[in-house]
Protein backbone atom coordinates (compact mmCIF):
# COMPACT_ATOMS: atom_id res chain seq x y z
CA UNK A 1 0.00 0.00 0.00
CA UNK A 2 1.01 3.58 -0.61
CA UNK A 3 -0.02 6.65 1.34
CA UNK A 4 -0.15 10.07 -0.25
CA UNK A 5 -0.39 13.14 1.97
CA UNK A 6 -1.18 16.53 0.50
CA UNK A 7 -0.42 19.85 2.13
CA UNK A 8 -0.14 23.51 1.24
CA UNK A 9 -3.73 24.43 0.58
CA UNK A 10 -5.36 27.50 2.02
CA UNK A 11 -7.09 30.80 1.36
CA UNK A 12 -5.48 33.26 -1.03
CA UNK A 13 -6.57 36.34 -2.92
CA UNK A 14 -6.90 36.33 -6.68
CA UNK A 15 -3.51 36.81 -8.30
CA UNK A 16 -1.73 35.13 -5.43
CA UNK A 17 0.28 31.92 -5.29
CA UNK A 18 0.28 28.64 -3.42
CA UNK A 19 2.49 25.57 -3.56
CA UNK A 20 0.92 22.21 -2.92
CA UNK A 21 2.98 19.22 -1.82
CA UNK A 22 2.22 15.53 -2.11
CA UNK A 23 4.43 13.31 0.02
CA UNK A 24 4.45 9.62 -0.86
CA UNK A 25 5.25 6.74 1.46
CA UNK A 26 6.93 4.93 -1.41
CA UNK A 27 9.83 5.99 -3.59
CA UNK A 28 8.63 8.06 -6.53
CA UNK A 29 11.61 6.98 -8.57
CA UNK A 30 9.53 4.15 -9.99
CA UNK A 31 6.32 6.01 -10.61
CA UNK A 32 4.31 5.37 -13.68
CA UNK A 33 2.62 8.74 -13.33
CA UNK A 34 1.73 11.18 -10.58
CA UNK A 35 -0.61 14.04 -10.82
CA UNK A 36 -2.90 16.59 -9.35
CA UNK A 37 -6.65 16.63 -9.77
CA UNK A 38 -9.27 18.97 -8.40
CA UNK A 39 -12.95 18.92 -7.63
CA UNK A 40 -15.06 22.00 -7.17
CA UNK A 41 -18.49 21.86 -5.47
CA UNK A 42 -21.07 20.37 -7.79
CA UNK A 43 -18.51 19.49 -10.43
CA UNK A 44 -16.69 16.36 -11.48
CA UNK A 45 -13.10 15.75 -10.52
CA UNK A 46 -10.78 16.98 -13.25
CA UNK A 47 -7.14 16.62 -14.16
CA UNK A 48 -4.93 19.60 -13.38
CA UNK A 49 -1.41 18.38 -14.15
CA UNK A 50 0.49 15.11 -14.36
CA UNK A 51 4.13 14.11 -14.56
CA UNK A 52 5.31 10.84 -16.01
CA UNK A 53 8.21 8.57 -15.21
CA UNK A 54 10.43 10.38 -17.70
CA UNK A 55 9.43 13.81 -16.46
CA UNK A 56 7.01 14.55 -19.25
CA UNK A 57 4.28 16.87 -18.03
CA UNK A 58 0.71 17.50 -19.12
CA UNK A 59 -1.52 20.37 -18.04
CA UNK A 60 -5.16 21.23 -18.30
CA UNK A 61 -5.70 24.13 -20.69
CA UNK A 62 -7.17 26.20 -17.89
CA UNK A 63 -3.92 26.17 -15.89
CA UNK A 64 -1.26 26.24 -18.62
CA UNK A 65 1.22 29.02 -18.03
CA UNK A 66 0.12 29.45 -14.41
CA UNK A 67 0.72 26.08 -12.74
CA UNK A 68 3.88 23.97 -12.69
CA UNK A 69 4.17 20.37 -11.57
CA UNK A 70 7.53 19.09 -10.40
CA UNK A 71 9.01 16.35 -8.27
CA UNK A 72 11.82 15.84 -5.79
CA UNK A 73 12.78 12.19 -5.92
CA UNK A 74 14.95 12.10 -2.75
CA UNK A 75 12.02 13.56 -0.80
CA UNK A 76 9.43 11.36 -2.54
CA UNK A 77 7.39 14.50 -3.06
CA UNK A 78 5.53 15.99 -5.98
CA UNK A 79 4.71 19.68 -6.03
CA UNK A 80 2.19 21.90 -7.74
CA UNK A 81 3.23 25.53 -7.91
CA UNK A 82 0.16 27.63 -8.58
CA UNK A 83 0.60 31.25 -9.64
CA UNK A 84 -1.85 33.95 -10.67
CA UNK A 85 -4.66 32.09 -8.97
CA UNK A 86 -8.22 32.79 -9.99
CA UNK A 87 -11.51 32.30 -8.11
CA UNK A 88 -12.36 29.48 -10.53
CA UNK A 89 -9.33 27.57 -9.21
CA UNK A 90 -11.19 27.10 -5.93
CA UNK A 91 -11.53 23.38 -5.30
CA UNK A 92 -10.27 20.45 -3.29
CA UNK A 93 -6.99 19.36 -4.82
CA UNK A 94 -6.07 15.68 -4.81
CA UNK A 95 -2.81 13.92 -5.52
CA UNK A 96 -2.91 10.64 -7.41
CA UNK A 97 -0.13 8.23 -8.17
CA UNK A 98 0.51 4.94 -9.83
CA UNK A 99 3.65 2.87 -9.63
CA UNK A 100 5.32 0.43 -11.95
CA UNK A 101 4.68 -3.02 -10.53
CA UNK A 102 1.78 -1.95 -8.31
CA UNK A 103 -1.81 -2.48 -9.27
CA UNK A 104 -4.21 0.42 -9.22
CA UNK A 105 -4.05 4.11 -8.44
CA UNK A 106 -3.51 5.74 -5.06
CA UNK A 107 -5.18 8.94 -3.90
CA UNK A 108 -4.47 11.41 -1.16
CA UNK A 109 -7.12 12.83 1.13
CA UNK A 110 -7.21 16.22 -0.59
CA UNK A 111 -6.37 19.77 0.38
CA UNK A 112 -8.70 22.75 0.06
CA UNK A 113 -7.70 25.71 -2.08
CA UNK A 114 -9.90 28.78 -1.89
CA UNK A 115 -9.26 31.85 -4.04
CA UNK A 116 -11.14 35.01 -3.13
CA UNK A 117 -11.93 37.72 -5.64
């Protein structure tokens, strides 16, 4: 089993920045993919950004140019740097990971991000 623990959420004004962290209980050196998803009230969970085993990244169109996903292998942590935040970025942000050799996906408990206008 793998545990993922998110942190870094909070309340910020529009135009501000936050950095989310996702700490994994297993080495992320052998990840298949790790990513950030978000779910706003009344909406489906959506992909925000993912990073693959070779460092290739993918972003939702709505966050391109504002958000950056990165990882620190020695710390087994994946980050999401969020700049120029907008009220529509308000949501619970979840970390998800899958590992080579492990079956299934693993999710964190989520961290709330609230952007005020």
